[in-house]
């Protein structure tokens, strides 16, 4: 029986929350963020959480 590794729930929740926050802070009329310094931090953590999600999902157990 193979052990299938699913998505990491912790990083999934972080990615969903930060994605929604970035979407809410972006001003589509002026194409700018309301708080650019905070948006950069959110974007770095968002990309890192997506990276860890993909890295863990692609890792397959050896036979």
PDB file of N, CA and C in Angstrom:
ATOM      1  N   UNK A   1       0.852  -1.177   0.000  1.00  0.00           N
ATOM      2  CA  UNK A   1       0.000   0.000   0.000  1.00  0.00           C
ATOM      3  C   UNK A   1       0.895   1.237   0.000  1.00  0.00           C
ATOM      4  N   UNK A   2       0.633   2.138  -0.889  1.00  0.00           N
ATOM      5  CA  UNK A   2       1.435   3.349  -1.002  1.00  0.00           C
ATOM      6  C   UNK A   2       0.900   4.429  -0.080  1.00  0.00           C
ATOM      7  N   UNK A   3       1.823   5.181   0.466  1.00  0.00           N
ATOM      8  CA  UNK A   3       1.444   6.346   1.264  1.00  0.00           C
ATOM      9  C   UNK A   3       1.404   7.555   0.351  1.00  0.00           C
ATOM     10  N   UNK A   4       0.229   8.056   0.105  1.00  0.00           N
ATOM     11  CA  UNK A   4       0.105   9.246  -0.734  1.00  0.00           C
ATOM     12  C   UNK A   4       0.170  10.479   0.142  1.00  0.00           C
ATOM     13  N   UNK A   5       1.025  11.384  -0.260  1.00  0.00           N
ATOM     14  CA  UNK A   5       1.174  12.635   0.486  1.00  0.00           C
ATOM     15  C   UNK A   5       0.237  13.661  -0.132  1.00  0.00           C
ATOM     16  N   UNK A   6      -0.672  14.189   0.659  1.00  0.00           N
ATOM     17  CA  UNK A   6      -1.592  15.197   0.175  1.00  0.00           C
ATOM     18  C   UNK A   6      -1.005  16.581   0.319  1.00  0.00           C
ATOM     19  N   UNK A   7      -1.819  17.566   0.090  1.00  0.00           N
ATOM     20  CA  UNK A   7      -1.383  18.945   0.246  1.00  0.00           C
ATOM     21  C   UNK A   7      -1.179  19.266   1.719  1.00  0.00           C
ATOM     22  N   UNK A   8      -0.194  20.079   1.990  1.00  0.00           N
ATOM     23  CA  UNK A   8       0.070  20.513   3.350  1.00  0.00           C
ATOM     24  C   UNK A   8      -0.988  21.553   3.725  1.00  0.00           C
ATOM     25  N   UNK A   9      -1.806  21.220   4.700  1.00  0.00           N
ATOM     26  CA  UNK A   9      -2.935  22.053   5.083  1.00  0.00           C
ATOM     27  C   UNK A   9      -2.495  23.423   5.590  1.00  0.00           C
ATOM     28  N   UNK A  10      -1.389  23.461   6.330  1.00  0.00           N
ATOM     29  CA  UNK A  10      -0.883  24.702   6.903  1.00  0.00           C
ATOM     30  C   UNK A  10      -0.522  25.706   5.807  1.00  0.00           C
ATOM     31  N   UNK A  11       0.258  25.272   4.819  1.00  0.00           N
ATOM     32  CA  UNK A  11       0.663  26.168   3.740  1.00  0.00           C
ATOM     33  C   UNK A  11      -0.516  26.519   2.826  1.00  0.00           C
ATOM     34  N   UNK A  12      -1.470  25.626   2.714  1.00  0.00           N
ATOM     35  CA  UNK A  12      -2.657  25.910   1.912  1.00  0.00           C
ATOM     36  C   UNK A  12      -3.476  27.041   2.529  1.00  0.00           C
ATOM     37  N   UNK A  13      -3.660  26.997   3.834  1.00  0.00           N
ATOM     38  CA  UNK A  13      -4.408  28.054   4.527  1.00  0.00           C
ATOM     39  C   UNK A  13      -3.672  29.387   4.419  1.00  0.00           C
ATOM     40  N   UNK A  14      -2.342  29.368   4.593  1.00  0.00           N
ATOM     41  CA  UNK A  14      -1.547  30.597   4.477  1.00  0.00           C
ATOM     42  C   UNK A  14      -1.689  31.183   3.072  1.00  0.00           C
ATOM     43  N   UNK A  15      -1.602  30.337   2.049  1.00  0.00           N
ATOM     44  CA  UNK A  15      -1.695  30.814   0.666  1.00  0.00           C
ATOM     45  C   UNK A  15      -3.074  31.415   0.380  1.00  0.00           C
ATOM     46  N   UNK A  16      -4.115  30.802   0.878  1.00  0.00           N
ATOM     47  CA  UNK A  16      -5.468  31.315   0.635  1.00  0.00           C
ATOM     48  C   UNK A  16      -5.666  32.670   1.324  1.00  0.00           C
ATOM     49  N   UNK A  17      -5.240  32.772   2.565  1.00  0.00           N
ATOM     50  CA  UNK A  17      -5.413  34.021   3.303  1.00  0.00           C
ATOM     51  C   UNK A  17      -4.594  35.144   2.675  1.00  0.00           C
ATOM     52  N   UNK A  18      -3.328  34.873   2.378  1.00  0.00           N
ATOM     53  CA  UNK A  18      -2.486  35.926   1.811  1.00  0.00           C
ATOM     54  C   UNK A  18      -2.916  36.304   0.398  1.00  0.00           C
ATOM     55  N   UNK A  19      -3.393  35.350  -0.370  1.00  0.00           N
ATOM     56  CA  UNK A  19      -3.893  35.664  -1.704  1.00  0.00           C
ATOM     57  C   UNK A  19      -5.095  36.590  -1.642  1.00  0.00           C
ATOM     58  N   UNK A  20      -5.993  36.320  -0.712  1.00  0.00           N
ATOM     59  CA  UNK A  20      -7.168  37.186  -0.594  1.00  0.00           C
ATOM     60  C   UNK A  20      -6.794  38.570  -0.073  1.00  0.00           C
ATOM     61  N   UNK A  21      -5.834  38.645   0.845  1.00  0.00           N
ATOM     62  CA  UNK A  21      -5.396  39.947   1.366  1.00  0.00           C
ATOM     63  C   UNK A  21      -4.724  40.764   0.265  1.00  0.00           C
ATOM     64  N   UNK A  22      -3.867  40.121  -0.522  1.00  0.00           N
ATOM     65  CA  UNK A  22      -3.226  40.840  -1.625  1.00  0.00           C
ATOM     66  C   UNK A  22      -4.245  41.331  -2.639  1.00  0.00           C
ATOM     67  N   UNK A  23      -5.250  40.524  -2.909  1.00  0.00           N
ATOM     68  CA  UNK A  23      -6.292  40.916  -3.854  1.00  0.00           C
ATOM     69  C   UNK A  23      -7.086  42.110  -3.332  1.00  0.00           C
ATOM     70  N   UNK A  24      -7.387  42.108  -2.026  1.00  0.00           N
ATOM     71  CA  UNK A  24      -8.156  43.210  -1.439  1.00  0.00           C
ATOM     72  C   UNK A  24      -7.353  44.505  -1.376  1.00  0.00           C
ATOM     73  N   UNK A  25      -6.039  44.405  -1.163  1.00  0.00           N
ATOM     74  CA  UNK A  25      -5.224  45.611  -1.038  1.00  0.00           C
ATOM     75  C   UNK A  25      -4.870  46.231  -2.380  1.00  0.00           C
ATOM     76  N   UNK A  26      -5.026  45.502  -3.477  1.00  0.00           N
ATOM     77  CA  UNK A  26      -4.631  46.029  -4.780  1.00  0.00           C
ATOM     78  C   UNK A  26      -5.709  46.958  -5.322  1.00  0.00           C
ATOM     79  N   UNK A  27      -5.293  48.149  -5.738  1.00  0.00           N
ATOM     80  CA  UNK A  27      -6.203  49.133  -6.315  1.00  0.00           C
ATOM     81  C   UNK A  27      -6.143  48.998  -7.838  1.00  0.00           C
ATOM     82  N   UNK A  28      -7.185  48.445  -8.422  1.00  0.00           N
ATOM     83  CA  UNK A  28      -7.195  48.184  -9.861  1.00  0.00           C
ATOM     84  C   UNK A  28      -7.331  49.464 -10.688  1.00  0.00           C
ATOM     85  N   UNK A  29      -7.844  50.501 -10.080  1.00  0.00           N
ATOM     86  CA  UNK A  29      -8.002  51.763 -10.806  1.00  0.00           C
ATOM     87  C   UNK A  29      -6.647  52.418 -11.056  1.00  0.00           C
ATOM     88  N   UNK A  30      -5.787  52.439 -10.041  1.00  0.00           N
ATOM     89  CA  UNK A  30      -4.467  53.061 -10.158  1.00  0.00           C
ATOM     90  C   UNK A  30      -3.353  52.038 -10.371  1.00  0.00           C
ATOM     91  N   UNK A  31      -3.689  50.755 -10.308  1.00  0.00           N
ATOM     92  CA  UNK A  31      -2.729  49.658 -10.442  1.00  0.00           C
ATOM     93  C   UNK A  31      -1.596  49.753  -9.419  1.00  0.00           C
ATOM     94  N   UNK A  32      -1.967  50.005  -8.180  1.00  0.00           N
ATOM     95  CA  UNK A  32      -1.010  50.086  -7.081  1.00  0.00           C
ATOM     96  C   UNK A  32      -1.601  49.435  -5.842  1.00  0.00           C
ATOM     97  N   UNK A  33      -0.702  49.080  -4.915  1.00  0.00           N
ATOM     98  CA  UNK A  33      -1.142  48.570  -3.626  1.00  0.00           C
ATOM     99  C   UNK A  33      -1.355  49.732  -2.667  1.00  0.00           C
ATOM    100  N   UNK A  34      -2.277  49.555  -1.717  1.00  0.00           N
ATOM    101  CA  UNK A  34      -2.534  50.591  -0.727  1.00  0.00           C
ATOM    102  C   UNK A  34      -1.333  50.774   0.189  1.00  0.00           C
ATOM    103  N   UNK A  35      -0.751  49.653   0.635  1.00  0.00           N
ATOM    104  CA  UNK A  35       0.436  49.670   1.501  1.00  0.00           C
ATOM    105  C   UNK A  35       1.510  48.825   0.823  1.00  0.00           C
ATOM    106  N   UNK A  36       2.369  49.431   0.009  1.00  0.00           N
ATOM    107  CA  UNK A  36       3.328  48.652  -0.784  1.00  0.00           C
ATOM    108  C   UNK A  36       4.345  47.875   0.050  1.00  0.00           C
ATOM    109  N   UNK A  37       4.775  48.411   1.187  1.00  0.00           N
ATOM    110  CA  UNK A  37       5.759  47.712   2.013  1.00  0.00           C
ATOM    111  C   UNK A  37       5.178  46.415   2.562  1.00  0.00           C
ATOM    112  N   UNK A  38       3.950  46.482   3.026  1.00  0.00           N
ATOM    113  CA  UNK A  38       3.283  45.305   3.567  1.00  0.00           C
ATOM    114  C   UNK A  38       2.945  44.321   2.454  1.00  0.00           C
ATOM    115  N   UNK A  39       2.613  44.828   1.292  1.00  0.00           N
ATOM    116  CA  UNK A  39       2.289  43.967   0.160  1.00  0.00           C
ATOM    117  C   UNK A  39       3.503  43.162  -0.297  1.00  0.00           C
ATOM    118  N   UNK A  40       4.686  43.756  -0.219  1.00  0.00           N
ATOM    119  CA  UNK A  40       5.911  43.034  -0.589  1.00  0.00           C
ATOM    120  C   UNK A  40       6.130  41.866   0.368  1.00  0.00           C
ATOM    121  N   UNK A  41       5.944  42.107   1.659  1.00  0.00           N
ATOM    122  CA  UNK A  41       6.089  41.042   2.643  1.00  0.00           C
ATOM    123  C   UNK A  41       5.051  39.944   2.422  1.00  0.00           C
ATOM    124  N   UNK A  42       3.801  40.332   2.189  1.00  0.00           N
ATOM    125  CA  UNK A  42       2.752  39.351   1.906  1.00  0.00           C
ATOM    126  C   UNK A  42       3.084  38.537   0.660  1.00  0.00           C
ATOM    127  N   UNK A  43       3.586  39.192  -0.368  1.00  0.00           N
ATOM    128  CA  UNK A  43       3.904  38.506  -1.616  1.00  0.00           C
ATOM    129  C   UNK A  43       5.039  37.509  -1.436  1.00  0.00           C
ATOM    130  N   UNK A  44       6.054  37.864  -0.659  1.00  0.00           N
ATOM    131  CA  UNK A  44       7.167  36.941  -0.409  1.00  0.00           C
ATOM    132  C   UNK A  44       6.685  35.692   0.320  1.00  0.00           C
ATOM    133  N   UNK A  45       5.878  35.875   1.346  1.00  0.00           N
ATOM    134  CA  UNK A  45       5.367  34.729   2.101  1.00  0.00           C
ATOM    135  C   UNK A  45       4.386  33.921   1.256  1.00  0.00           C
ATOM    136  N   UNK A  46       3.588  34.580   0.427  1.00  0.00           N
ATOM    137  CA  UNK A  46       2.649  33.891  -0.458  1.00  0.00           C
ATOM    138  C   UNK A  46       3.398  33.000  -1.450  1.00  0.00           C
ATOM    139  N   UNK A  47       4.433  33.529  -2.068  1.00  0.00           N
ATOM    140  CA  UNK A  47       5.219  32.750  -3.035  1.00  0.00           C
ATOM    141  C   UNK A  47       5.925  31.594  -2.339  1.00  0.00           C
ATOM    142  N   UNK A  48       6.439  31.821  -1.136  1.00  0.00           N
ATOM    143  CA  UNK A  48       7.106  30.742  -0.394  1.00  0.00           C
ATOM    144  C   UNK A  48       6.120  29.627  -0.036  1.00  0.00           C
ATOM    145  N   UNK A  49       4.923  29.982   0.362  1.00  0.00           N
ATOM    146  CA  UNK A  49       3.940  28.954   0.712  1.00  0.00           C
ATOM    147  C   UNK A  49       3.506  28.167  -0.524  1.00  0.00           C
ATOM    148  N   UNK A  50       3.357  28.834  -1.666  1.00  0.00           N
ATOM    149  CA  UNK A  50       3.034  28.127  -2.907  1.00  0.00           C
ATOM    150  C   UNK A  50       4.184  27.205  -3.301  1.00  0.00           C
ATOM    151  N   UNK A  51       5.422  27.668  -3.126  1.00  0.00           N
ATOM    152  CA  UNK A  51       6.589  26.850  -3.439  1.00  0.00           C
ATOM    153  C   UNK A  51       6.602  25.576  -2.582  1.00  0.00           C
ATOM    154  N   UNK A  52       6.361  25.714  -1.278  1.00  0.00           N
ATOM    155  CA  UNK A  52       6.364  24.544  -0.404  1.00  0.00           C
ATOM    156  C   UNK A  52       5.201  23.609  -0.713  1.00  0.00           C
ATOM    157  N   UNK A  53       4.061  24.155  -1.110  1.00  0.00           N
ATOM    158  CA  UNK A  53       2.939  23.305  -1.512  1.00  0.00           C
ATOM    159  C   UNK A  53       3.299  22.467  -2.729  1.00  0.00           C
ATOM    160  N   UNK A  54       3.887  23.095  -3.731  1.00  0.00           N
ATOM    161  CA  UNK A  54       4.238  22.382  -4.957  1.00  0.00           C
ATOM    162  C   UNK A  54       5.367  21.397  -4.702  1.00  0.00           C
ATOM    163  N   UNK A  55       6.355  21.805  -3.902  1.00  0.00           N
ATOM    164  CA  UNK A  55       7.491  20.934  -3.615  1.00  0.00           C
ATOM    165  C   UNK A  55       7.034  19.666  -2.885  1.00  0.00           C
ATOM    166  N   UNK A  56       6.173  19.822  -1.889  1.00  0.00           N
ATOM    167  CA  UNK A  56       5.693  18.663  -1.142  1.00  0.00           C
ATOM    168  C   UNK A  56       4.756  17.797  -1.975  1.00  0.00           C
ATOM    169  N   UNK A  57       3.986  18.404  -2.856  1.00  0.00           N
ATOM    170  CA  UNK A  57       3.037  17.646  -3.677  1.00  0.00           C
ATOM    171  C   UNK A  57       3.753  16.830  -4.747  1.00  0.00           C
ATOM    172  N   UNK A  58       4.846  17.382  -5.305  1.00  0.00           N
ATOM    173  CA  UNK A  58       5.576  16.689  -6.346  1.00  0.00           C
ATOM    174  C   UNK A  58       6.449  15.561  -5.799  1.00  0.00           C
ATOM    175  N   UNK A  59       6.804  15.636  -4.533  1.00  0.00           N
ATOM    176  CA  UNK A  59       7.662  14.624  -3.931  1.00  0.00           C
ATOM    177  C   UNK A  59       6.884  13.311  -3.829  1.00  0.00           C
ATOM    178  N   UNK A  60       7.385  12.290  -4.523  1.00  0.00           N
ATOM    179  CA  UNK A  60       6.700  10.998  -4.533  1.00  0.00           C
ATOM    180  C   UNK A  60       7.482  10.002  -3.669  1.00  0.00           C
ATOM    181  N   UNK A  61       6.772   9.140  -2.946  1.00  0.00           N
ATOM    182  CA  UNK A  61       7.484   8.143  -2.145  1.00  0.00           C
ATOM    183  C   UNK A  61       8.149   7.097  -3.044  1.00  0.00           C
ATOM    184  N   UNK A  62       9.311   6.632  -2.608  1.00  0.00           N
ATOM    185  CA  UNK A  62      10.014   5.606  -3.381  1.00  0.00           C
ATOM    186  C   UNK A  62       9.440   4.237  -3.057  1.00  0.00           C
ATOM    187  N   UNK A  63       9.532   3.343  -4.029  1.00  0.00           N
ATOM    188  CA  UNK A  63       8.995   1.991  -3.830  1.00  0.00           C
ATOM    189  C   UNK A  63       9.975   1.106  -3.112  1.00  0.00           C
TER     190      UNK A  63
END
